[in-house]
Amino acid sequence: MSLPYIFITVIYLLLSVSGLVLFKLGSEKGLEIALNSGNIQLDINLFCILGLSFYVISFLLYMFLISRLNLSYIAPIANGLSYILTFIASIYIFKEHISINNYIGALLILIGVILINIKK
């Protein structure tokens, strides 16, 4: 993968994981969705708006990446690293309890990402 695509992938990962984290933080502070007389009422805070914005931009970057690179290459790398970064964020930011099976799964994903990047 060339340097510009690596840079775009890193930006995608940062925006995607940041979007998830911000949306989770915002939803913990209160997120209400109601249906009143056929109208949808949404009470959303700044964290949720920022999280959603970051996530939408990351989605557009992901679409760019999969349109330019082999899907069988970029999808496992991007999704695997996104999972690992989200896993780390959930531990350090949200203090979530993680089981040994989660750690083993994350390790296997990391091994898979490394194996995909090994040149023949």
N, C-alpha and C. Protein backbone atom coordinates (compact mmCIF):
# COMPACT_ATOMS: atom_id res chain seq x y z
N MET A 1 0.87 -1.17 0.00
CA MET A 1 0.00 0.00 0.00
C MET A 1 0.92 1.23 0.00
N SER A 2 0.61 2.19 -0.85
CA SER A 2 1.43 3.39 -0.96
C SER A 2 1.15 4.34 0.20
N LEU A 3 2.08 5.26 0.40
CA LEU A 3 2.00 6.19 1.53
C LEU A 3 0.71 7.01 1.57
N PRO A 4 0.20 7.54 0.44
CA PRO A 4 -1.07 8.28 0.53
C PRO A 4 -2.23 7.42 1.03
N TYR A 5 -2.28 6.15 0.61
CA TYR A 5 -3.35 5.27 1.07
C TYR A 5 -3.18 4.90 2.54
N ILE A 6 -1.94 4.78 2.99
CA ILE A 6 -1.70 4.53 4.42
C ILE A 6 -2.19 5.73 5.23
N PHE A 7 -1.87 6.93 4.76
CA PHE A 7 -2.30 8.15 5.45
C PHE A 7 -3.83 8.22 5.51
N ILE A 8 -4.50 7.94 4.40
CA ILE A 8 -5.97 7.98 4.36
C ILE A 8 -6.55 6.91 5.28
N THR A 9 -5.92 5.75 5.32
CA THR A 9 -6.39 4.67 6.20
C THR A 9 -6.26 5.07 7.67
N VAL A 10 -5.16 5.72 8.03
CA VAL A 10 -4.97 6.18 9.42
C VAL A 10 -6.02 7.23 9.77
N ILE A 11 -6.26 8.16 8.86
CA ILE A 11 -7.29 9.19 9.10
C ILE A 11 -8.66 8.52 9.24
N TYR A 12 -8.95 7.55 8.36
CA TYR A 12 -10.21 6.80 8.45
C TYR A 12 -10.34 6.17 9.84
N LEU A 13 -9.29 5.49 10.29
CA LEU A 13 -9.34 4.80 11.58
C LEU A 13 -9.55 5.78 12.74
N LEU A 14 -8.81 6.88 12.72
CA LEU A 14 -8.95 7.88 13.78
C LEU A 14 -10.36 8.47 13.82
N LEU A 15 -10.89 8.81 12.65
CA LEU A 15 -12.24 9.39 12.60
C LEU A 15 -13.31 8.37 12.98
N SER A 16 -13.15 7.15 12.53
CA SER A 16 -14.13 6.10 12.82
C SER A 16 -14.21 5.81 14.32
N VAL A 17 -13.06 5.56 14.92
CA VAL A 17 -13.03 5.23 16.35
C VAL A 17 -13.41 6.45 17.18
N SER A 18 -12.92 7.64 16.81
CA SER A 18 -13.31 8.86 17.53
C SER A 18 -14.81 9.10 17.43
N GLY A 19 -15.37 8.84 16.25
CA GLY A 19 -16.81 8.99 16.08
C GLY A 19 -17.59 8.07 17.00
N LEU A 20 -17.17 6.82 17.08
CA LEU A 20 -17.84 5.87 17.97
C LEU A 20 -17.72 6.30 19.43
N VAL A 21 -16.51 6.70 19.82
CA VAL A 21 -16.28 7.11 21.21
C VAL A 21 -17.11 8.35 21.56
N LEU A 22 -17.08 9.35 20.68
CA LEU A 22 -17.85 10.57 20.94
C LEU A 22 -19.34 10.29 21.00
N PHE A 23 -19.83 9.46 20.09
CA PHE A 23 -21.26 9.14 20.10
C PHE A 23 -21.63 8.40 21.38
N LYS A 24 -20.78 7.49 21.81
CA LYS A 24 -21.04 6.76 23.06
C LYS A 24 -21.03 7.73 24.25
N LEU A 25 -20.05 8.63 24.29
CA LEU A 25 -20.01 9.63 25.37
C LEU A 25 -21.27 10.49 25.36
N GLY A 26 -21.68 10.91 24.18
CA GLY A 26 -22.88 11.74 24.06
C GLY A 26 -24.14 11.00 24.45
N SER A 27 -24.22 9.73 24.07
CA SER A 27 -25.43 8.97 24.39
C SER A 27 -25.53 8.68 25.88
N GLU A 28 -24.39 8.64 26.57
CA GLU A 28 -24.42 8.46 28.02
C GLU A 28 -24.93 9.71 28.73
N LYS A 29 -24.78 10.87 28.08
CA LYS A 29 -25.25 12.13 28.67
C LYS A 29 -26.71 12.39 28.33
N GLY A 30 -27.28 11.57 27.50
CA GLY A 30 -28.68 11.71 27.17
C GLY A 30 -28.91 11.83 25.68
N LEU A 31 -29.64 10.90 25.17
CA LEU A 31 -30.03 10.89 23.76
C LEU A 31 -31.45 10.38 23.72
N GLU A 32 -32.36 11.23 23.24
CA GLU A 32 -33.76 10.84 23.21
C GLU A 32 -34.29 10.89 21.79
N ILE A 33 -34.96 9.83 21.42
CA ILE A 33 -35.63 9.76 20.13
C ILE A 33 -37.08 9.40 20.43
N ALA A 34 -38.00 10.24 19.96
CA ALA A 34 -39.42 10.00 20.24
C ALA A 34 -40.22 10.20 18.97
N LEU A 35 -41.34 9.53 18.92
CA LEU A 35 -42.27 9.65 17.80
C LEU A 35 -43.56 10.25 18.35
N ASN A 36 -43.84 11.49 17.97
CA ASN A 36 -45.04 12.19 18.44
C ASN A 36 -45.91 12.57 17.26
N SER A 37 -47.09 12.03 17.19
CA SER A 37 -48.06 12.34 16.14
C SER A 37 -47.45 12.20 14.75
N GLY A 38 -46.66 11.17 14.55
CA GLY A 38 -46.06 10.94 13.25
C GLY A 38 -44.79 11.73 13.00
N ASN A 39 -44.40 12.58 13.92
CA ASN A 39 -43.16 13.36 13.78
C ASN A 39 -42.08 12.75 14.65
N ILE A 40 -40.88 12.71 14.12
CA ILE A 40 -39.75 12.21 14.90
C ILE A 40 -39.12 13.38 15.64
N GLN A 41 -38.98 13.22 16.94
CA GLN A 41 -38.35 14.25 17.77
C GLN A 41 -37.03 13.69 18.27
N LEU A 42 -35.97 14.44 18.01
CA LEU A 42 -34.62 13.99 18.36
C LEU A 42 -33.97 15.03 19.26
N ASP A 43 -33.59 14.59 20.45
CA ASP A 43 -32.86 15.45 21.38
C ASP A 43 -31.44 14.90 21.45
N ILE A 44 -30.51 15.64 20.83
CA ILE A 44 -29.15 15.15 20.66
C ILE A 44 -28.18 16.22 21.15
N ASN A 45 -27.06 15.81 21.74
CA ASN A 45 -26.09 16.78 22.25
C ASN A 45 -24.88 16.89 21.33
N LEU A 46 -23.97 17.80 21.67
CA LEU A 46 -22.82 18.10 20.82
C LEU A 46 -21.93 16.89 20.61
N PHE A 47 -21.71 16.09 21.65
CA PHE A 47 -20.87 14.90 21.50
C PHE A 47 -21.45 13.95 20.44
N CYS A 48 -22.76 13.75 20.48
CA CYS A 48 -23.40 12.88 19.50
C CYS A 48 -23.27 13.45 18.09
N ILE A 49 -23.46 14.76 17.95
CA ILE A 49 -23.35 15.39 16.63
C ILE A 49 -21.92 15.26 16.10
N LEU A 50 -20.93 15.53 16.95
CA LEU A 50 -19.53 15.38 16.53
C LEU A 50 -19.22 13.93 16.18
N GLY A 51 -19.67 13.01 17.01
CA GLY A 51 -19.44 11.59 16.75
C GLY A 51 -20.04 11.15 15.44
N LEU A 52 -21.27 11.56 15.20
CA LEU A 52 -21.93 11.21 13.95
C LEU A 52 -21.21 11.84 12.76
N SER A 53 -20.78 13.09 12.90
CA SER A 53 -20.05 13.77 11.82
C SER A 53 -18.74 13.05 11.50
N PHE A 54 -17.98 12.72 12.53
CA PHE A 54 -16.72 12.00 12.32
C PHE A 54 -16.97 10.66 11.65
N TYR A 55 -18.02 9.98 12.09
CA TYR A 55 -18.31 8.65 11.55
C TYR A 55 -18.73 8.73 10.09
N VAL A 56 -19.49 9.74 9.72
CA VAL A 56 -19.90 9.92 8.32
C VAL A 56 -18.68 10.20 7.45
N ILE A 57 -17.80 11.07 7.92
CA ILE A 57 -16.57 11.36 7.15
C ILE A 57 -15.72 10.11 7.02
N SER A 58 -15.63 9.33 8.09
CA SER A 58 -14.85 8.09 8.02
C SER A 58 -15.47 7.11 7.02
N PHE A 59 -16.78 7.07 6.96
CA PHE A 59 -17.46 6.20 5.99
C PHE A 59 -17.11 6.62 4.56
N LEU A 60 -17.08 7.92 4.30
CA LEU A 60 -16.73 8.41 2.97
C LEU A 60 -15.28 8.05 2.63
N LEU A 61 -14.38 8.16 3.59
CA LEU A 61 -12.99 7.75 3.36
C LEU A 61 -12.90 6.25 3.10
N TYR A 62 -13.68 5.48 3.82
CA TYR A 62 -13.70 4.02 3.63
C TYR A 62 -14.18 3.68 2.22
N MET A 63 -15.22 4.36 1.76
CA MET A 63 -15.71 4.14 0.40
C MET A 63 -14.63 4.48 -0.63
N PHE A 64 -13.89 5.55 -0.38
CA PHE A 64 -12.78 5.92 -1.25
C PHE A 64 -11.73 4.80 -1.28
N LEU A 65 -11.36 4.32 -0.09
CA LEU A 65 -10.33 3.28 -0.01
C LEU A 65 -10.75 2.00 -0.73
N ILE A 66 -11.98 1.56 -0.51
CA ILE A 66 -12.39 0.31 -1.16
C ILE A 66 -12.61 0.47 -2.65
N SER A 67 -12.79 1.72 -3.10
CA SER A 67 -12.92 1.93 -4.54
C SER A 67 -11.56 1.92 -5.24
N ARG A 68 -10.48 2.12 -4.48
CA ARG A 68 -9.14 2.22 -5.08
C ARG A 68 -8.25 1.00 -4.81
N LEU A 69 -8.53 0.28 -3.74
CA LEU A 69 -7.68 -0.85 -3.35
C LEU A 69 -8.47 -2.15 -3.43
N ASN A 70 -7.75 -3.26 -3.40
CA ASN A 70 -8.42 -4.56 -3.40
C ASN A 70 -9.26 -4.71 -2.14
N LEU A 71 -10.52 -5.04 -2.32
CA LEU A 71 -11.43 -5.19 -1.19
C LEU A 71 -10.95 -6.28 -0.24
N SER A 72 -10.41 -7.36 -0.79
CA SER A 72 -9.94 -8.47 0.04
C SER A 72 -8.72 -8.10 0.87
N TYR A 73 -8.11 -6.98 0.52
CA TYR A 73 -6.94 -6.50 1.27
C TYR A 73 -7.32 -5.41 2.28
N ILE A 74 -8.00 -4.38 1.81
CA ILE A 74 -8.25 -3.21 2.67
C ILE A 74 -9.35 -3.47 3.71
N ALA A 75 -10.38 -4.20 3.35
CA ALA A 75 -11.48 -4.41 4.30
C ALA A 75 -11.03 -5.14 5.57
N PRO A 76 -10.31 -6.26 5.47
CA PRO A 76 -9.87 -6.91 6.71
C PRO A 76 -8.92 -6.04 7.53
N ILE A 77 -8.05 -5.30 6.86
CA ILE A 77 -7.11 -4.45 7.58
C ILE A 77 -7.85 -3.32 8.29
N ALA A 78 -8.68 -2.60 7.55
CA ALA A 78 -9.40 -1.46 8.13
C ALA A 78 -10.35 -1.91 9.24
N ASN A 79 -11.10 -2.95 8.99
CA ASN A 79 -12.05 -3.42 10.00
C ASN A 79 -11.34 -4.02 11.21
N GLY A 80 -10.27 -4.76 10.97
CA GLY A 80 -9.52 -5.36 12.07
C GLY A 80 -8.88 -4.31 12.97
N LEU A 81 -8.21 -3.33 12.34
CA LEU A 81 -7.58 -2.27 13.14
C LEU A 81 -8.62 -1.39 13.82
N SER A 82 -9.75 -1.17 13.17
CA SER A 82 -10.82 -0.41 13.79
C SER A 82 -11.32 -1.14 15.05
N TYR A 83 -11.47 -2.44 14.95
CA TYR A 83 -11.89 -3.22 16.11
C TYR A 83 -10.87 -3.11 17.24
N ILE A 84 -9.59 -3.26 16.91
CA ILE A 84 -8.54 -3.20 17.93
C ILE A 84 -8.52 -1.83 18.61
N LEU A 85 -8.60 -0.76 17.84
CA LEU A 85 -8.59 0.59 18.41
C LEU A 85 -9.84 0.86 19.26
N THR A 86 -10.99 0.36 18.81
CA THR A 86 -12.22 0.51 19.59
C THR A 86 -12.12 -0.29 20.88
N PHE A 87 -11.53 -1.46 20.80
CA PHE A 87 -11.30 -2.32 21.96
C PHE A 87 -10.45 -1.58 22.99
N ILE A 88 -9.37 -0.97 22.53
CA ILE A 88 -8.48 -0.22 23.42
C ILE A 88 -9.20 0.98 24.03
N ALA A 89 -9.96 1.70 23.21
CA ALA A 89 -10.71 2.86 23.70
C ALA A 89 -11.73 2.45 24.75
N SER A 90 -12.38 1.32 24.55
CA SER A 90 -13.40 0.88 25.51
C SER A 90 -12.78 0.53 26.86
N ILE A 91 -11.54 0.08 26.83
CA ILE A 91 -10.85 -0.25 28.08
C ILE A 91 -10.43 1.04 28.80
N TYR A 92 -9.76 1.93 28.08
CA TYR A 92 -9.17 3.10 28.73
C TYR A 92 -10.13 4.26 28.93
N ILE A 93 -11.07 4.45 28.03
CA ILE A 93 -11.99 5.59 28.16
C ILE A 93 -13.23 5.22 28.96
N PHE A 94 -13.81 4.06 28.65
CA PHE A 94 -15.07 3.68 29.29
C PHE A 94 -14.90 2.70 30.44
N LYS A 95 -13.67 2.27 30.68
CA LYS A 95 -13.37 1.34 31.78
C LYS A 95 -14.23 0.08 31.72
N GLU A 96 -14.45 -0.40 30.49
CA GLU A 96 -15.27 -1.60 30.31
C GLU A 96 -14.50 -2.84 30.74
N HIS A 97 -15.24 -3.79 31.30
CA HIS A 97 -14.65 -5.07 31.68
C HIS A 97 -14.51 -5.91 30.43
N ILE A 98 -13.33 -6.43 30.20
CA ILE A 98 -13.04 -7.22 29.01
C ILE A 98 -12.65 -8.62 29.45
N SER A 99 -13.27 -9.61 28.84
CA SER A 99 -12.98 -11.00 29.21
C SER A 99 -11.72 -11.49 28.51
N ILE A 100 -11.22 -12.59 28.98
CA ILE A 100 -10.03 -13.20 28.37
C ILE A 100 -10.32 -13.59 26.92
N ASN A 101 -11.55 -14.00 26.63
CA ASN A 101 -11.90 -14.34 25.25
C ASN A 101 -11.80 -13.12 24.33
N ASN A 102 -12.16 -11.94 24.85
CA ASN A 102 -12.02 -10.72 24.06
C ASN A 102 -10.55 -10.42 23.75
N TYR A 103 -9.70 -10.60 24.76
CA TYR A 103 -8.27 -10.38 24.55
C TYR A 103 -7.71 -11.37 23.52
N ILE A 104 -8.10 -12.62 23.62
CA ILE A 104 -7.63 -13.63 22.66
C ILE A 104 -8.13 -13.29 21.26
N GLY A 105 -9.39 -12.90 21.15
CA GLY A 105 -9.95 -12.51 19.85
C GLY A 105 -9.22 -11.32 19.25
N ALA A 106 -8.93 -10.32 20.07
CA ALA A 106 -8.21 -9.13 19.60
C ALA A 106 -6.80 -9.51 19.14
N LEU A 107 -6.15 -10.40 19.86
CA LEU A 107 -4.82 -10.86 19.47
C LEU A 107 -4.87 -11.60 18.13
N LEU A 108 -5.87 -12.45 17.95
CA LEU A 108 -6.01 -13.18 16.69
C LEU A 108 -6.28 -12.22 15.52
N ILE A 109 -7.07 -11.19 15.76
CA ILE A 109 -7.33 -10.19 14.72
C ILE A 109 -6.03 -9.48 14.36
N LEU A 110 -5.25 -9.11 15.37
CA LEU A 110 -3.98 -8.43 15.13
C LEU A 110 -3.03 -9.34 14.34
N ILE A 111 -2.99 -10.60 14.68
CA ILE A 111 -2.15 -11.55 13.94
C ILE A 111 -2.62 -11.64 12.49
N GLY A 112 -3.93 -11.65 12.28
CA GLY A 112 -4.47 -11.69 10.92
C GLY A 112 -4.09 -10.46 10.11
N VAL A 113 -4.15 -9.29 10.72
CA VAL A 113 -3.77 -8.05 10.03
C VAL A 113 -2.29 -8.11 9.65
N ILE A 114 -1.46 -8.61 10.55
CA ILE A 114 -0.02 -8.73 10.26
C ILE A 114 0.20 -9.72 9.12
N LEU A 115 -0.47 -10.86 9.16
CA LEU A 115 -0.30 -11.86 8.10
C LEU A 115 -0.72 -11.34 6.73
N ILE A 116 -1.78 -10.54 6.69
CA ILE A 116 -2.25 -9.98 5.41
C ILE A 116 -1.20 -9.04 4.83
N ASN A 117 -0.41 -8.39 5.68
CA ASN A 117 0.57 -7.41 5.23
C ASN A 117 1.94 -8.01 4.90
N ILE A 118 2.14 -9.27 5.17
CA ILE A 118 3.42 -9.89 4.86
C ILE A 118 3.51 -10.11 3.35
N LYS A 119 4.57 -9.59 2.76
CA LYS A 119 4.77 -9.75 1.31
C LYS A 119 5.35 -11.13 1.05
N LYS A 120 4.95 -11.71 -0.06
CA LYS A 120 5.48 -13.04 -0.43
C LYS A 120 6.84 -12.93 -1.05
